[in-house]
Structures are given as C-alpha cells and as structure tokens.
Protein backbone atom coordinates (compact mmCIF):
# COMPACT_ATOMS: atom_id res chain seq x y z
CA MET A 1 115.26 46.88 145.98
CA SER A 2 115.21 49.81 147.08
CA ARG A 3 117.80 52.58 145.25
CA LEU A 4 118.59 53.01 148.62
CA ARG A 5 119.67 50.08 149.20
CA ASP A 6 121.71 49.89 145.80
CA ARG A 7 123.43 52.50 146.50
CA ILE A 8 125.38 51.16 149.97
CA ARG A 9 125.62 48.05 148.21
CA THR A 10 127.51 49.74 145.33
CA LEU A 11 130.17 51.92 148.06
CA GLY A 12 133.47 50.93 147.88
CA ARG A 13 132.82 48.63 144.42
CA LYS A 14 136.37 48.18 142.46
CA GLN A 15 135.51 49.20 138.54
CA ARG A 16 136.32 46.06 136.01
CA GLY A 17 139.59 46.56 134.85
CA ALA A 18 140.53 47.22 131.18
CA LEU A 19 140.97 44.90 128.83
CA GLY A 20 144.05 44.36 126.63
CA PHE A 21 146.63 46.30 127.43
CA ALA A 22 145.51 49.52 129.21
CA PRO A 23 146.16 50.08 132.92
CA PRO A 24 143.07 48.97 135.40
CA ARG A 25 141.15 50.82 136.58
CA ASP A 26 141.27 50.86 140.52
CA ALA A 27 138.97 53.39 141.22
CA ASP A 28 135.86 53.28 143.13
CA ALA A 29 132.98 53.08 141.36
CA GLY A 30 130.75 54.68 144.46
CA GLY A 31 133.29 56.09 146.83
CA GLN A 32 133.49 54.91 150.67
CA LEU A 33 130.69 56.01 152.33
CA LEU A 34 127.48 57.71 151.72
CA ILE A 35 125.89 61.02 152.64
CA LEU A 36 122.23 61.32 153.95
CA ALA A 37 121.77 64.69 153.72
CA GLU A 38 117.92 66.02 156.09
CA VAL A 39 116.16 68.36 153.93
CA THR A 40 112.98 70.80 154.90
CA ASP A 41 112.49 71.92 151.46
CA ALA A 42 112.75 72.23 147.44
CA ALA A 43 115.53 74.21 147.55
CA SER A 44 117.58 72.47 150.10
CA VAL A 45 117.26 69.30 147.96
CA ARG A 46 119.01 70.81 144.89
CA ALA A 47 121.39 72.65 147.04
CA SER A 48 122.50 68.78 149.09
CA ALA A 49 122.60 67.24 145.60
CA GLU A 50 125.22 70.01 143.90
CA ALA A 51 126.81 69.59 147.29
CA GLY A 52 127.42 65.75 146.32
CA ALA A 53 124.43 63.96 149.08
CA GLY A 54 123.58 60.32 148.27
CA ALA A 55 120.23 60.11 149.09
CA ILE A 56 117.93 62.43 151.26
CA LEU A 57 115.69 62.60 153.96
CA TYR A 58 112.77 64.59 154.44
CA ALA A 59 111.99 66.11 157.68
CA GLY A 60 108.51 67.79 156.62
CA ASP A 61 104.85 65.97 155.93
CA PRO A 62 105.10 63.10 154.62
CA ALA A 63 102.21 64.44 152.23
CA THR A 64 104.13 67.11 151.00
CA ILE A 65 106.74 64.63 149.74
CA SER A 66 106.11 65.34 146.43
CA PRO A 67 108.01 68.55 145.62
CA ILE A 68 110.92 67.12 146.92
CA ILE A 69 111.41 64.15 145.11
CA ASP A 70 110.84 66.26 141.60
CA ALA A 71 113.55 68.28 142.83
CA ALA A 72 115.46 65.19 143.86
CA GLY A 73 116.39 63.08 140.54
CA ASP A 74 117.50 60.17 140.46
CA ILE A 75 118.87 60.62 144.33
CA PRO A 76 117.02 58.22 146.35
CA VAL A 77 114.32 60.32 148.67
CA GLY A 78 113.13 58.68 152.16
CA SER A 79 110.90 60.02 155.02
CA LEU A 80 111.11 59.73 158.55
CA LEU A 81 107.22 57.84 159.97
CA GLU A 82 108.31 56.46 162.83
CA SER A 83 104.69 55.49 163.96
CA ALA A 84 104.16 54.20 160.03
CA THR A 85 100.81 53.05 158.90
CA SER A 86 100.01 51.36 156.30
CA ASP A 87 98.14 54.23 154.55
CA GLN A 88 100.76 56.57 155.04
CA VAL A 89 103.17 54.16 153.98
CA THR A 90 101.27 53.80 150.26
CA VAL A 91 101.08 57.76 149.98
CA LEU A 92 104.80 57.61 150.68
CA ALA A 93 105.17 54.80 147.58
CA ASP A 94 102.07 56.05 145.11
CA ALA A 95 104.66 60.17 145.66
CA GLY A 96 108.10 58.11 144.63
CA ALA A 97 109.79 58.11 147.62
CA ASP A 98 112.50 55.11 147.74
CA PHE A 99 112.25 54.74 151.88
CA PHE A 100 110.62 55.27 154.78
CA ILE A 101 112.38 55.28 158.47
CA LEU A 102 110.02 53.80 161.81
CA ASP A 103 110.19 52.68 164.72
CA ASP A 104 109.39 49.17 165.52
CA ASP A 105 107.71 49.99 168.56
CA ARG A 106 105.43 52.30 167.40
CA ALA A 107 104.60 51.44 163.49
CA ALA A 108 101.80 48.78 162.19
CA ALA A 109 102.72 45.78 160.99
CA ASP A 110 101.15 46.35 158.27
CA ALA A 111 103.10 49.18 157.28
CA LEU A 112 106.21 46.82 156.11
CA LEU A 113 103.50 44.84 154.01
CA GLU A 114 104.65 48.41 150.79
CA ARG A 115 107.23 46.73 149.01
CA ARG A 116 107.87 49.54 146.78
CA LEU A 117 109.69 51.17 149.87
CA GLY A 118 113.44 50.19 151.42
CA HIS A 119 112.55 50.31 155.63
CA VAL A 120 115.23 51.44 157.72
CA LEU A 121 114.32 50.72 161.79
CA LEU A 122 115.79 53.29 163.64
CA LEU A 123 118.16 51.93 166.56
CA GLY A 124 118.50 53.09 169.86
CA THR A 125 122.07 52.39 171.53
CA ASP A 126 123.11 51.79 175.14
CA ALA A 127 126.56 50.81 176.65
CA ASP A 128 126.02 47.42 175.81
CA GLY A 129 124.18 47.90 172.69
CA PRO A 130 120.83 46.05 172.22
CA ASN A 131 120.88 41.89 172.93
CA GLU A 132 121.34 38.96 170.36
CA GLU A 133 117.65 38.00 170.51
CA ARG A 134 116.37 41.49 169.44
CA LEU A 135 119.34 41.43 167.08
CA ARG A 136 118.51 37.93 165.78
CA MET A 137 114.89 39.30 165.04
CA LEU A 138 115.93 41.95 163.01
CA ALA A 139 117.12 40.21 160.72
CA ALA A 140 114.20 38.65 159.43
CA LEU A 141 112.90 42.09 158.79
CA ASP A 142 115.64 42.34 155.87
CA LEU A 143 116.11 45.92 156.15
CA ASP A 144 117.89 48.32 154.11
CA ALA A 145 119.44 49.46 157.01
CA LEU A 146 120.07 50.22 160.86
CA LEU A 147 119.62 54.70 161.78
CA LEU A 148 121.33 55.25 165.37
CA THR A 149 119.39 57.26 167.30
CA GLU A 150 122.52 58.69 168.85
CA PRO A 151 125.10 60.23 167.68
CA LEU A 152 128.72 58.76 167.96
CA ASN A 153 131.23 59.75 169.88
CA ALA A 154 134.93 58.65 169.36
CA LEU A 155 134.73 55.09 169.33
CA THR A 156 137.34 52.78 171.67
CA VAL A 157 138.02 48.98 170.11
CA LEU A 158 135.54 47.67 172.17
CA ASP A 159 132.53 50.28 171.01
CA HIS A 160 133.63 49.47 166.78
CA LEU A 161 133.73 45.40 167.68
CA ARG A 162 130.33 46.17 169.54
CA LEU A 163 128.91 48.04 166.34
CA ARG A 164 130.22 45.22 164.25
CA ARG A 165 128.02 42.65 166.46
CA ILE A 166 124.82 44.94 165.42
CA VAL A 167 125.47 44.75 162.07
CA SER A 168 126.62 41.44 161.83
CA LEU A 169 123.48 39.73 163.75
CA ALA A 170 121.01 42.09 162.05
CA ARG A 171 122.39 42.04 159.15
CA ALA A 172 122.08 45.49 157.87
CA PRO A 173 124.21 48.24 157.82
CA LEU A 174 123.88 50.98 160.08
CA ILE A 175 123.61 54.49 159.93
CA VAL A 176 125.47 57.50 161.87
CA THR A 177 124.73 60.88 162.51
CA ALA A 178 126.51 63.26 162.31
CA THR A 179 126.01 67.20 163.60
CA THR A 180 127.44 70.23 162.92
CA ALA A 181 128.12 71.33 166.52
CA THR A 182 131.90 69.87 166.90
CA GLY A 183 132.75 70.02 163.33
CA VAL A 184 132.47 67.90 160.45
CA PRO A 185 134.26 64.50 161.09
CA ALA A 186 137.68 63.63 160.28
CA PRO A 187 138.30 61.11 157.51
CA SER A 188 139.56 59.02 160.04
CA THR A 189 136.26 59.16 162.11
CA LEU A 190 134.84 58.10 158.82
CA GLU A 191 136.89 55.04 158.05
CA VAL A 192 136.74 53.89 161.63
CA TRP A 193 132.74 54.28 161.65
CA ARG A 194 132.94 52.85 157.75
CA ASP A 195 134.95 49.77 158.90
CA ALA A 196 132.34 49.26 161.98
CA GLY A 197 129.96 48.55 159.17
CA ALA A 198 128.17 52.00 159.16
CA PRO A 199 128.57 53.38 155.77
CA VAL A 200 125.91 55.99 155.81
CA VAL A 201 125.96 59.32 157.57
CA LEU A 202 123.03 61.27 158.32
CA LEU A 203 123.95 64.76 158.22
CA ARG A 204 121.23 66.70 160.16
CA SER A 205 121.95 70.46 159.50
CA GLN A 206 120.81 72.75 156.22
CA ASP A 207 124.12 74.25 156.51
CA HIS A 208 125.18 73.12 152.59
CA ASP A 209 128.80 74.69 153.59
CA ALA A 210 128.72 71.63 155.80
CA THR A 211 127.33 68.79 153.27
CA ALA A 212 129.79 69.86 150.35
CA ALA A 213 132.85 69.84 153.47
CA LEU A 214 131.50 66.17 154.30
CA VAL A 215 131.18 65.21 151.24
CA ARG A 216 135.11 66.16 150.81
CA ALA A 217 136.28 64.44 153.84
CA THR A 218 134.40 60.94 152.57
CA ASN A 219 136.32 61.48 149.78
CA GLU A 220 139.58 61.30 151.35
CA VAL A 221 138.29 57.54 153.26
CA ARG A 222 140.57 55.14 152.70
CA PRO A 223 139.86 51.90 150.70
CA PRO A 224 139.18 48.73 153.10
CA ARG A 225 141.88 47.33 154.01
CA GLU A 226 142.79 44.10 151.82
CA ARG A 227 141.57 40.82 153.75
CA ARG A 228 143.99 38.05 153.91
CA GLU A 229 142.03 35.87 152.14
CA ASP A 230 141.10 38.24 149.87
CA ARG A 231 144.66 38.02 148.39
CA PRO A 232 145.72 35.95 145.48
CA ASP A 233 148.02 33.47 146.38
CA ALA A 234 151.19 32.68 145.23
CA LEU A 235 151.55 30.88 141.99
CA LEU A 236 155.24 29.08 142.53
CA PRO A 237 156.43 27.61 138.89
CA ALA A 238 156.56 23.00 138.91
CA ALA A 239 160.45 22.56 139.35
CA SER A 240 161.17 21.11 136.05
CA PRO A 241 163.09 17.34 136.31
CA THR A 242 166.88 17.52 136.70
CA LEU A 243 168.65 15.65 133.98
CA ALA A 244 169.72 12.86 136.82
CA GLU A 245 165.89 12.08 137.04
CA ASP A 246 165.84 12.42 132.85
CA GLU A 247 168.54 9.48 133.19
CA ASP A 248 166.88 7.53 136.10
CA LEU A 249 163.57 7.25 133.75
CA ASP A 250 165.79 6.34 130.64
C-alpha cells in the first residue's frame, strides 16, 4: 500500500477513547482533507511541508526526483507520468517515490506492474460524467485515487451526486484541483468536496502562503455528519415484574 493511500484512509479517523476516568478524545487523528502540493524544486518541498502539505507532486522531470524525495522526508512524493512506461516507473520506484499519475489512454499496461508505487488516474469531467461501464472497469485497477483534470466550480446538488457516483462505481477517492486565481476555497466548499468523495486537494501554485491558508481552511472543515446507522441504539432497562405478577406466579 502506498503512503498516499494510507494517509487518505486515515483522514477524519477518530482517536480511540482514553481508558479509565480520563475524558474521551474525539479529536480527529488525520484531519478532514489532505493537501497535495505541486512543487518544482527541493526548496518548494520544504516550504510546502512547513505550510502543512500532506503529500507532494513533483512537476519536473521524473528522472530528477531524488532531491525532491530527500527533501520531503516522510511525506509521500509522486510524479505525473501521463504516458508512463515500465522503465520510467521503475526509475521512480528505485528513487523512493510513492505514487505516479497516469492517463489510461496513453500509459503502457506494464507500467501498472510496479508494486512499489501507488497509481492515480487522470479522469476528465463533462456534463454527465464518465459512463458507468468505464467507471466499473477502473474499479478493477485498485487505484489509490482519481485526479479530476478540470477544477471544480461551485457544485449543485446534481454535481455532488455525480461525483459520489464516480467514487461509488470506480471504488476510489477523488483528488480535485484548486488554484489561487479565485482565492483559497472556503471551508464550506472543502466540506462539500469532502462529502462528495474528494478528500484530497491538489494545489497547483508555488505560493506557499496560499498553501498555508488552504491548510488552515481544511482545519475548519467539520467532521462528516453521523449517519443514522452509526448511532448507538438507546437501550431501555427491562421492566421488573410488578407485585401482582409476583403474586400470580406464587
């Protein structure tokens, strides 16, 4: 399992309650969203990490990714390889990369044989979304995530349902793209994205102040609403037999 997948799985996971008489800890262990920061050099990696980014996407030549990985430390690092080949993927894995992003219409099939790397697939969006047959085929790839190629605008309820349909059929979470052209997304926008199945936000900007602002916005996102089936059932004490019942039994 890639570290990117592991970090996505831990998002919003609550810490176990303390034992004894200590108060329970309801704080989320992994936060609500993960920021994937695009970088161009090692200095950008360090600045993004200090700003709170949880994953790194290297925008440069994959053959020069080693300094990026060294600067990232424990933060997972990935590369964009739309036309990935087996040799390119092997170079990434040998360098210590964690995942790569591919285009399924251009990447070689044997590029997916590398088990040391996670796989993220580019997914275009249109008015009606990808068809059901293609999404079901993608589920067989056991992807770490799907990266939407188009930035999201304000979602309608129908847009929200379409995104949830993609996640359900492809069985993979979504990564959405944010730019600083219109400012940092509001916590309410991030919450809508998270609830639609997009817990990861790719920030394509070298403005590290924007990265820090986006991280602060994610910290204001509320935990998911508790589902009815997750709520504990109220257990009522069994009624004790009345005095009359006791006399009848006697």
